[in-house]
Amino acid sequence: ILLGLGLAAGELALPGIFLIWLGLGAIGTGLATAALG
């Protein structure tokens, strides 16, 4: 989740509409890891 938030913040610093998608993937992975171990 922190990695995802960092990637989303990176999108703000380096706009290109690419890091945001990786950030969403990382946040989703964090949620799946929390739910499914």
Full PDB file with SEQRES, HELIX, SHEET, SSBOND, CRYST1, ORIGX, SCALE, CONECT and MASTER records, all heavy atoms in Angstrom:
SEQRES   1 A   37  ILE LEU LEU GLY LEU GLY LEU ALA ALA GLY GLU LEU ALA          
SEQRES   2 A   37  LEU PRO GLY ILE PHE LEU ILE TRP LEU GLY LEU GLY ALA          
SEQRES   3 A   37  ILE GLY THR GLY LEU ALA THR ALA ALA LEU GLY                  
HELIX    1 AA1 LEU A    2  ALA A   13  1                                  12    
HELIX    2 AA2 LEU A   19  LEU A   36  1                                  18    
CRYST1    1.000    1.000    1.000  90.00  90.00  90.00 P 1           1          
ORIGX1      1.000000  0.000000  0.000000        0.00000                         
ORIGX2      0.000000  1.000000  0.000000        0.00000                         
ORIGX3      0.000000  0.000000  1.000000        0.00000                         
SCALE1      1.000000  0.000000  0.000000        0.00000                         
SCALE2      0.000000  1.000000  0.000000        0.00000                         
SCALE3      0.000000  0.000000  1.000000        0.00000                         
ATOM      1  N   ILE A   1       0.836  -1.202   0.000  1.00  0.00           N  
ATOM      2  CA  ILE A   1       0.000   0.000   0.000  1.00  0.00           C  
ATOM      3  C   ILE A   1       0.871   1.253   0.000  1.00  0.00           C  
ATOM      4  O   ILE A   1       0.607   2.202  -0.745  1.00  0.00           O  
ATOM      5  CB  ILE A   1      -0.986  -0.028   1.189  1.00  0.00           C  
ATOM      6  CG1 ILE A   1      -2.029  -1.136   0.957  1.00  0.00           C  
ATOM      7  CG2 ILE A   1      -1.659   1.332   1.382  1.00  0.00           C  
ATOM      8  CD1 ILE A   1      -2.922  -1.422   2.133  1.00  0.00           C  
ATOM      9  N   LEU A   2       1.932   1.279   0.808  1.00  0.00           N  
ATOM     10  CA  LEU A   2       2.832   2.429   0.818  1.00  0.00           C  
ATOM     11  C   LEU A   2       3.551   2.581  -0.521  1.00  0.00           C  
ATOM     12  O   LEU A   2       3.750   3.699  -1.005  1.00  0.00           O  
ATOM     13  CB  LEU A   2       3.843   2.305   1.963  1.00  0.00           C  
ATOM     14  CG  LEU A   2       3.269   2.464   3.372  1.00  0.00           C  
ATOM     15  CD1 LEU A   2       4.346   2.198   4.416  1.00  0.00           C  
ATOM     16  CD2 LEU A   2       2.675   3.851   3.551  1.00  0.00           C  
ATOM     17  N   LEU A   3       3.932   1.461  -1.132  1.00  0.00           N  
ATOM     18  CA  LEU A   3       4.548   1.509  -2.449  1.00  0.00           C  
ATOM     19  C   LEU A   3       3.564   2.111  -3.454  1.00  0.00           C  
ATOM     20  O   LEU A   3       3.933   2.962  -4.275  1.00  0.00           O  
ATOM     21  CB  LEU A   3       4.979   0.117  -2.900  1.00  0.00           C  
ATOM     22  CG  LEU A   3       5.531   0.014  -4.327  1.00  0.00           C  
ATOM     23  CD1 LEU A   3       6.825   0.796  -4.465  1.00  0.00           C  
ATOM     24  CD2 LEU A   3       5.740  -1.445  -4.709  1.00  0.00           C  
ATOM     25  N   GLY A   4       2.316   1.694  -3.398  1.00  0.00           N  
ATOM     26  CA  GLY A   4       1.298   2.226  -4.298  1.00  0.00           C  
ATOM     27  C   GLY A   4       1.089   3.721  -4.112  1.00  0.00           C  
ATOM     28  O   GLY A   4       0.988   4.468  -5.090  1.00  0.00           O  
ATOM     29  N   LEU A   5       1.053   4.161  -2.872  1.00  0.00           N  
ATOM     30  CA  LEU A   5       0.912   5.596  -2.613  1.00  0.00           C  
ATOM     31  C   LEU A   5       2.137   6.358  -3.098  1.00  0.00           C  
ATOM     32  O   LEU A   5       2.022   7.473  -3.622  1.00  0.00           O  
ATOM     33  CB  LEU A   5       0.668   5.834  -1.122  1.00  0.00           C  
ATOM     34  CG  LEU A   5      -0.669   5.304  -0.585  1.00  0.00           C  
ATOM     35  CD1 LEU A   5      -0.739   5.456   0.935  1.00  0.00           C  
ATOM     36  CD2 LEU A   5      -1.837   6.007  -1.260  1.00  0.00           C  
ATOM     37  N   GLY A   6       3.319   5.753  -2.939  1.00  0.00           N  
ATOM     38  CA  GLY A   6       4.544   6.382  -3.445  1.00  0.00           C  
ATOM     39  C   GLY A   6       4.539   6.505  -4.958  1.00  0.00           C  
ATOM     40  O   GLY A   6       4.963   7.524  -5.512  1.00  0.00           O  
ATOM     41  N   LEU A   7       4.066   5.473  -5.634  1.00  0.00           N  
ATOM     42  CA  LEU A   7       3.969   5.534  -7.095  1.00  0.00           C  
ATOM     43  C   LEU A   7       2.953   6.583  -7.537  1.00  0.00           C  
ATOM     44  O   LEU A   7       3.178   7.301  -8.517  1.00  0.00           O  
ATOM     45  CB  LEU A   7       3.614   4.161  -7.661  1.00  0.00           C  
ATOM     46  CG  LEU A   7       4.735   3.124  -7.609  1.00  0.00           C  
ATOM     47  CD1 LEU A   7       4.181   1.730  -7.883  1.00  0.00           C  
ATOM     48  CD2 LEU A   7       5.836   3.472  -8.591  1.00  0.00           C  
ATOM     49  N   ALA A   8       1.845   6.673  -6.824  1.00  0.00           N  
ATOM     50  CA  ALA A   8       0.845   7.691  -7.148  1.00  0.00           C  
ATOM     51  C   ALA A   8       1.429   9.088  -6.937  1.00  0.00           C  
ATOM     52  O   ALA A   8       1.202   9.992  -7.749  1.00  0.00           O  
ATOM     53  CB  ALA A   8      -0.409   7.494  -6.303  1.00  0.00           C  
ATOM     54  N   ALA A   9       2.205   9.269  -5.879  1.00  0.00           N  
ATOM     55  CA  ALA A   9       2.873  10.559  -5.648  1.00  0.00           C  
ATOM     56  C   ALA A   9       3.901  10.825  -6.739  1.00  0.00           C  
ATOM     57  O   ALA A   9       4.076  11.968  -7.172  1.00  0.00           O  
ATOM     58  CB  ALA A   9       3.537  10.573  -4.275  1.00  0.00           C  
ATOM     59  N   GLY A  10       4.561   9.768  -7.201  1.00  0.00           N  
ATOM     60  CA  GLY A  10       5.511   9.919  -8.303  1.00  0.00           C  
ATOM     61  C   GLY A  10       4.836  10.398  -9.569  1.00  0.00           C  
ATOM     62  O   GLY A  10       5.425  11.132 -10.364  1.00  0.00           O  
ATOM     63  N   GLU A  11       3.603   9.990  -9.766  1.00  0.00           N  
ATOM     64  CA  GLU A  11       2.835  10.457 -10.931  1.00  0.00           C  
ATOM     65  C   GLU A  11       2.622  11.966 -10.867  1.00  0.00           C  
ATOM     66  O   GLU A  11       2.643  12.644 -11.883  1.00  0.00           O  
ATOM     67  CB  GLU A  11       1.491   9.738 -11.005  1.00  0.00           C  
ATOM     68  CG  GLU A  11       0.628  10.150 -12.158  1.00  0.00           C  
ATOM     69  CD  GLU A  11       1.150   9.660 -13.500  1.00  0.00           C  
ATOM     70  OE1 GLU A  11       1.776   8.593 -13.552  1.00  0.00           O  
ATOM     71  OE2 GLU A  11       0.918  10.363 -14.495  1.00  0.00           O  
ATOM     72  N   LEU A  12       2.443  12.480  -9.651  1.00  0.00           N  
ATOM     73  CA  LEU A  12       2.275  13.927  -9.505  1.00  0.00           C  
ATOM     74  C   LEU A  12       3.569  14.661  -9.820  1.00  0.00           C  
ATOM     75  O   LEU A  12       3.563  15.732 -10.405  1.00  0.00           O  
ATOM     76  CB  LEU A  12       1.823  14.266  -8.082  1.00  0.00           C  
ATOM     77  CG  LEU A  12       0.443  13.757  -7.681  1.00  0.00           C  
ATOM     78  CD1 LEU A  12       0.191  14.033  -6.202  1.00  0.00           C  
ATOM     79  CD2 LEU A  12      -0.624  14.405  -8.535  1.00  0.00           C  
ATOM     80  N   ALA A  13       4.703  14.068  -9.422  1.00  0.00           N  
ATOM     81  CA  ALA A  13       6.001  14.700  -9.656  1.00  0.00           C  
ATOM     82  C   ALA A  13       6.455  14.534 -11.099  1.00  0.00           C  
ATOM     83  O   ALA A  13       7.105  15.410 -11.656  1.00  0.00           O  
ATOM     84  CB  ALA A  13       7.046  14.116  -8.702  1.00  0.00           C  
ATOM     85  N   LEU A  14       6.154  13.391 -11.698  1.00  0.00           N  
ATOM     86  CA  LEU A  14       6.570  13.085 -13.068  1.00  0.00           C  
ATOM     87  C   LEU A  14       5.352  12.694 -13.884  1.00  0.00           C  
ATOM     88  O   LEU A  14       5.121  11.523 -14.162  1.00  0.00           O  
ATOM     89  CB  LEU A  14       7.575  11.926 -13.072  1.00  0.00           C  
ATOM     90  CG  LEU A  14       8.820  12.096 -12.215  1.00  0.00           C  
ATOM     91  CD1 LEU A  14       9.542  10.777 -12.062  1.00  0.00           C  
ATOM     92  CD2 LEU A  14       9.725  13.134 -12.846  1.00  0.00           C  
ATOM     93  N   PRO A  15       4.535  13.679 -14.284  1.00  0.00           N  
ATOM     94  CA  PRO A  15       3.304  13.334 -14.983  1.00  0.00           C  
ATOM     95  C   PRO A  15       3.564  12.575 -16.279  1.00  0.00           C  
ATOM     96  O   PRO A  15       4.472  12.875 -17.002  1.00  0.00           O  
ATOM     97  CB  PRO A  15       2.654  14.671 -15.280  1.00  0.00           C  
ATOM     98  CG  PRO A  15       3.515  15.710 -14.698  1.00  0.00           C  
ATOM     99  CD  PRO A  15       4.740  15.084 -14.145  1.00  0.00           C  
ATOM    100  N   GLY A  16       2.771  11.595 -16.527  1.00  0.00           N  
ATOM    101  CA  GLY A  16       2.887  10.808 -17.735  1.00  0.00           C  
ATOM    102  C   GLY A  16       1.786   9.782 -17.806  1.00  0.00           C  
ATOM    103  O   GLY A  16       1.703   9.011 -18.739  1.00  0.00           O  
ATOM    104  N   ILE A  17       0.963   9.764 -16.795  1.00  0.00           N  
ATOM    105  CA  ILE A  17      -0.168   8.845 -16.712  1.00  0.00           C  
ATOM    106  C   ILE A  17       0.287   7.396 -16.883  1.00  0.00           C  
ATOM    107  O   ILE A  17      -0.254   6.635 -17.654  1.00  0.00           O  
ATOM    108  CB  ILE A  17      -1.283   9.211 -17.706  1.00  0.00           C  
ATOM    109  CG1 ILE A  17      -1.657  10.683 -17.571  1.00  0.00           C  
ATOM    110  CG2 ILE A  17      -2.518   8.366 -17.474  1.00  0.00           C  
ATOM    111  CD1 ILE A  17      -2.740  11.127 -18.521  1.00  0.00           C  
ATOM    112  N   PHE A  18       1.328   7.027 -16.176  1.00  0.00           N  
ATOM    113  CA  PHE A  18       1.798   5.648 -16.196  1.00  0.00           C  
ATOM    114  C   PHE A  18       2.011   5.126 -14.784  1.00  0.00           C  
ATOM    115  O   PHE A  18       1.565   4.036 -14.462  1.00  0.00           O  
ATOM    116  CB  PHE A  18       3.092   5.525 -17.003  1.00  0.00           C  
ATOM    117  CG  PHE A  18       3.581   4.106 -17.088  1.00  0.00           C  
ATOM    118  CD1 PHE A  18       2.964   3.209 -17.939  1.00  0.00           C  
ATOM    119  CD2 PHE A  18       4.626   3.666 -16.305  1.00  0.00           C  
ATOM    120  CE1 PHE A  18       3.387   1.899 -18.013  1.00  0.00           C  
ATOM    121  CE2 PHE A  18       5.063   2.356 -16.377  1.00  0.00           C  
ATOM    122  CZ  PHE A  18       4.441   1.477 -17.233  1.00  0.00           C  
ATOM    123  N   LEU A  19       2.663   5.896 -13.930  1.00  0.00           N  
ATOM    124  CA  LEU A  19       2.926   5.435 -12.565  1.00  0.00           C  
ATOM    125  C   LEU A  19       1.647   5.217 -11.772  1.00  0.00           C  
ATOM    126  O   LEU A  19       1.609   4.373 -10.883  1.00  0.00           O  
ATOM    127  CB  LEU A  19       3.828   6.431 -11.829  1.00  0.00           C  
ATOM    128  CG  LEU A  19       5.264   6.534 -12.326  1.00  0.00           C  
ATOM    129  CD1 LEU A  19       6.021   7.599 -11.545  1.00  0.00           C  
ATOM    130  CD2 LEU A  19       5.967   5.201 -12.229  1.00  0.00           C  
ATOM    131  N   ILE A  20       0.614   5.957 -12.107  1.00  0.00           N  
ATOM    132  CA  ILE A  20      -0.646   5.813 -11.378  1.00  0.00           C  
ATOM    133  C   ILE A  20      -1.209   4.404 -11.513  1.00  0.00           C  
ATOM    134  O   ILE A  20      -1.752   3.845 -10.564  1.00  0.00           O  
ATOM    135  CB  ILE A  20      -1.684   6.884 -11.813  1.00  0.00           C  
ATOM    136  CG1 ILE A  20      -2.879   6.902 -10.856  1.00  0.00           C  
ATOM    137  CG2 ILE A  20      -2.152   6.658 -13.233  1.00  0.00           C  
ATOM    138  CD1 ILE A  20      -2.569   7.390  -9.489  1.00  0.00           C  
ATOM    139  N   TRP A  21      -1.043   3.793 -12.696  1.00  0.00           N  
ATOM    140  CA  TRP A  21      -1.580   2.447 -12.909  1.00  0.00           C  
ATOM    141  C   TRP A  21      -0.791   1.420 -12.101  1.00  0.00           C  
ATOM    142  O   TRP A  21      -1.370   0.480 -11.555  1.00  0.00           O  
ATOM    143  CB  TRP A  21      -1.595   2.104 -14.390  1.00  0.00           C  
ATOM    144  CG  TRP A  21      -2.261   3.175 -15.200  1.00  0.00           C  
ATOM    145  CD1 TRP A  21      -1.707   3.895 -16.217  1.00  0.00           C  
ATOM    146  CD2 TRP A  21      -3.591   3.686 -15.045  1.00  0.00           C  
ATOM    147  NE1 TRP A  21      -2.609   4.808 -16.704  1.00  0.00           N  
ATOM    148  CE2 TRP A  21      -3.777   4.701 -15.999  1.00  0.00           C  
ATOM    149  CE3 TRP A  21      -4.646   3.379 -14.184  1.00  0.00           C  
ATOM    150  CZ2 TRP A  21      -4.965   5.414 -16.133  1.00  0.00           C  
ATOM    151  CZ3 TRP A  21      -5.832   4.084 -14.313  1.00  0.00           C  
ATOM    152  CH2 TRP A  21      -5.979   5.080 -15.275  1.00  0.00           C  
ATOM    153  N   LEU A  22       0.523   1.602 -12.030  1.00  0.00           N  
ATOM    154  CA  LEU A  22       1.328   0.717 -11.179  1.00  0.00           C  
ATOM    155  C   LEU A  22       0.978   0.931  -9.710  1.00  0.00           C  
ATOM    156  O   LEU A  22       0.944  -0.020  -8.928  1.00  0.00           O  
ATOM    157  CB  LEU A  22       2.817   0.973 -11.414  1.00  0.00           C  
ATOM    158  CG  LEU A  22       3.345   0.691 -12.816  1.00  0.00           C  
ATOM    159  CD1 LEU A  22       4.815   1.061 -12.917  1.00  0.00           C  
ATOM    160  CD2 LEU A  22       3.117  -0.754 -13.197  1.00  0.00           C  
ATOM    161  N   GLY A  23       0.717   2.185  -9.346  1.00  0.00           N  
ATOM    162  CA  GLY A  23       0.314   2.482  -7.973  1.00  0.00           C  
ATOM    163  C   GLY A  23      -0.994   1.808  -7.607  1.00  0.00           C  
ATOM    164  O   GLY A  23      -1.141   1.251  -6.516  1.00  0.00           O  
ATOM    165  N   LEU A  24      -1.946   1.819  -8.535  1.00  0.00           N  
ATOM    166  CA  LEU A  24      -3.216   1.127  -8.277  1.00  0.00           C  
ATOM    167  C   LEU A  24      -3.001  -0.377  -8.153  1.00  0.00           C  
ATOM    168  O   LEU A  24      -3.635  -1.038  -7.312  1.00  0.00           O  
ATOM    169  CB  LEU A  24      -4.220   1.432  -9.387  1.00  0.00           C  
ATOM    170  CG  LEU A  24      -4.768   2.860  -9.415  1.00  0.00           C  
ATOM    171  CD1 LEU A  24      -5.607   3.085 -10.663  1.00  0.00           C  
ATOM    172  CD2 LEU A  24      -5.562   3.147  -8.157  1.00  0.00           C  
ATOM    173  N   GLY A  25      -2.114  -0.930  -8.977  1.00  0.00           N  
ATOM    174  CA  GLY A  25      -1.793  -2.351  -8.873  1.00  0.00           C  
ATOM    175  C   GLY A  25      -1.168  -2.691  -7.530  1.00  0.00           C  
ATOM    176  O   GLY A  25      -1.489  -3.714  -6.923  1.00  0.00           O  
ATOM    177  N   ALA A  26      -0.287  -1.818  -7.046  1.00  0.00           N  
ATOM    178  CA  ALA A  26       0.365  -2.059  -5.754  1.00  0.00           C  
ATOM    179  C   ALA A  26      -0.635  -1.952  -4.600  1.00  0.00           C  
ATOM    180  O   ALA A  26      -0.614  -2.774  -3.671  1.00  0.00           O  
ATOM    181  CB  ALA A  26       1.520  -1.084  -5.554  1.00  0.00           C  
ATOM    182  N   ILE A  27      -1.510  -0.965  -4.655  1.00  0.00           N  
ATOM    183  CA  ILE A  27      -2.518  -0.820  -3.595  1.00  0.00           C  
ATOM    184  C   ILE A  27      -3.455  -2.024  -3.607  1.00  0.00           C  
ATOM    185  O   ILE A  27      -3.782  -2.590  -2.554  1.00  0.00           O  
ATOM    186  CB  ILE A  27      -3.288   0.508  -3.750  1.00  0.00           C  
ATOM    187  CG1 ILE A  27      -2.349   1.683  -3.440  1.00  0.00           C  
ATOM    188  CG2 ILE A  27      -4.515   0.532  -2.841  1.00  0.00           C  
ATOM    189  CD1 ILE A  27      -2.913   3.045  -3.788  1.00  0.00           C  
ATOM    190  N   GLY A  28      -3.871  -2.446  -4.794  1.00  0.00           N  
ATOM    191  CA  GLY A  28      -4.715  -3.640  -4.893  1.00  0.00           C  
ATOM    192  C   GLY A  28      -4.009  -4.881  -4.373  1.00  0.00           C  
ATOM    193  O   GLY A  28      -4.618  -5.738  -3.713  1.00  0.00           O  
ATOM    194  N   THR A  29      -2.713  -4.986  -4.634  1.00  0.00           N  
ATOM    195  CA  THR A  29      -1.941  -6.120  -4.124  1.00  0.00           C  
ATOM    196  C   THR A  29      -1.887  -6.087  -2.598  1.00  0.00           C  
ATOM    197  O   THR A  29      -2.012  -7.126  -1.945  1.00  0.00           O  
ATOM    198  CB  THR A  29      -0.512  -6.103  -4.707  1.00  0.00           C  
ATOM    199  OG1 THR A  29      -0.600  -6.154  -6.127  1.00  0.00           O  
ATOM    200  CG2 THR A  29       0.309  -7.272  -4.198  1.00  0.00           C  
ATOM    201  N   GLY A  30      -1.714  -4.894  -2.045  1.00  0.00           N  
ATOM    202  CA  GLY A  30      -1.716  -4.768  -0.586  1.00  0.00           C  
ATOM    203  C   GLY A  30      -3.036  -5.198   0.022  1.00  0.00           C  
ATOM    204  O   GLY A  30      -3.072  -5.916   1.025  1.00  0.00           O  
ATOM    205  N   LEU A  31      -4.135  -4.796  -0.607  1.00  0.00           N  
ATOM    206  CA  LEU A  31      -5.453  -5.186  -0.100  1.00  0.00           C  
ATOM    207  C   LEU A  31      -5.674  -6.690  -0.233  1.00  0.00           C  
ATOM    208  O   LEU A  31      -6.209  -7.336   0.685  1.00  0.00           O  
ATOM    209  CB  LEU A  31      -6.542  -4.408  -0.831  1.00  0.00           C  
ATOM    210  CG  LEU A  31      -6.528  -2.889  -0.617  1.00  0.00           C  
ATOM    211  CD1 LEU A  31      -7.553  -2.211  -1.524  1.00  0.00           C  
ATOM    212  CD2 LEU A  31      -6.766  -2.545   0.843  1.00  0.00           C  
ATOM    213  N   ALA A  32      -5.243  -7.265  -1.378  1.00  0.00           N  
ATOM    214  CA  ALA A  32      -5.383  -8.712  -1.563  1.00  0.00           C  
ATOM    215  C   ALA A  32      -4.512  -9.481  -0.570  1.00  0.00           C  
ATOM    216  O   ALA A  32      -4.932 -10.518  -0.037  1.00  0.00           O  
ATOM    217  CB  ALA A  32      -5.010  -9.092  -3.004  1.00  0.00           C  
ATOM    218  N   THR A  33      -3.316  -8.971  -0.304  1.00  0.00           N  
ATOM    219  CA  THR A  33      -2.421  -9.625   0.656  1.00  0.00           C  
ATOM    220  C   THR A  33      -3.018  -9.585   2.056  1.00  0.00           C  
ATOM    221  O   THR A  33      -2.958 -10.570   2.803  1.00  0.00           O  
ATOM    222  CB  THR A  33      -1.031  -8.953   0.629  1.00  0.00           C  
ATOM    223  OG1 THR A  33      -0.486  -9.100  -0.682  1.00  0.00           O  
ATOM    224  CG2 THR A  33      -0.095  -9.576   1.637  1.00  0.00           C  
ATOM    225  N   ALA A  34      -3.609  -8.447   2.420  1.00  0.00           N  
ATOM    226  CA  ALA A  34      -4.230  -8.332   3.738  1.00  0.00           C  
ATOM    227  C   ALA A  34      -5.419  -9.279   3.866  1.00  0.00           C  
ATOM    228  O   ALA A  34      -5.614  -9.909   4.901  1.00  0.00           O  
ATOM    229  CB  ALA A  34      -4.671  -6.893   3.989  1.00  0.00           C  
ATOM    230  N   ALA A  35      -6.195  -9.408   2.793  1.00  0.00           N  
ATOM    231  CA  ALA A  35      -7.401 -10.242   2.851  1.00  0.00           C  
ATOM    232  C   ALA A  35      -7.095 -11.729   2.741  1.00  0.00           C  
ATOM    233  O   ALA A  35      -7.744 -12.547   3.386  1.00  0.00           O  
ATOM    234  CB  ALA A  35      -8.360  -9.832   1.737  1.00  0.00           C  
ATOM    235  N   LEU A  36      -6.106 -12.093   1.919  1.00  0.00           N  
ATOM    236  CA  LEU A  36      -5.874 -13.504   1.608  1.00  0.00           C  
ATOM    237  C   LEU A  36      -4.588 -14.072   2.187  1.00  0.00           C  
ATOM    238  O   LEU A  36      -4.364 -15.288   2.097  1.00  0.00           O  
ATOM    239  CB  LEU A  36      -5.861 -13.699   0.077  1.00  0.00           C  
ATOM    240  CG  LEU A  36      -7.099 -13.217  -0.671  1.00  0.00           C  
ATOM    241  CD1 LEU A  36      -6.884 -13.301  -2.175  1.00  0.00           C  
ATOM    242  CD2 LEU A  36      -8.317 -14.011  -0.246  1.00  0.00           C  
ATOM    243  N   GLY A  37      -3.726 -13.221   2.731  1.00  0.00           N  
ATOM    244  CA  GLY A  37      -2.462 -13.697   3.274  1.00  0.00           C  
ATOM    245  C   GLY A  37      -1.583 -14.359   2.220  1.00  0.00           C  
ATOM    246  O   GLY A  37      -1.062 -15.459   2.426  1.00  0.00           O  
TER     247      GLY A  37                                                      
MASTER        0    0    0    2    0    0    0    6  246    1    0    3          
END                                                                             
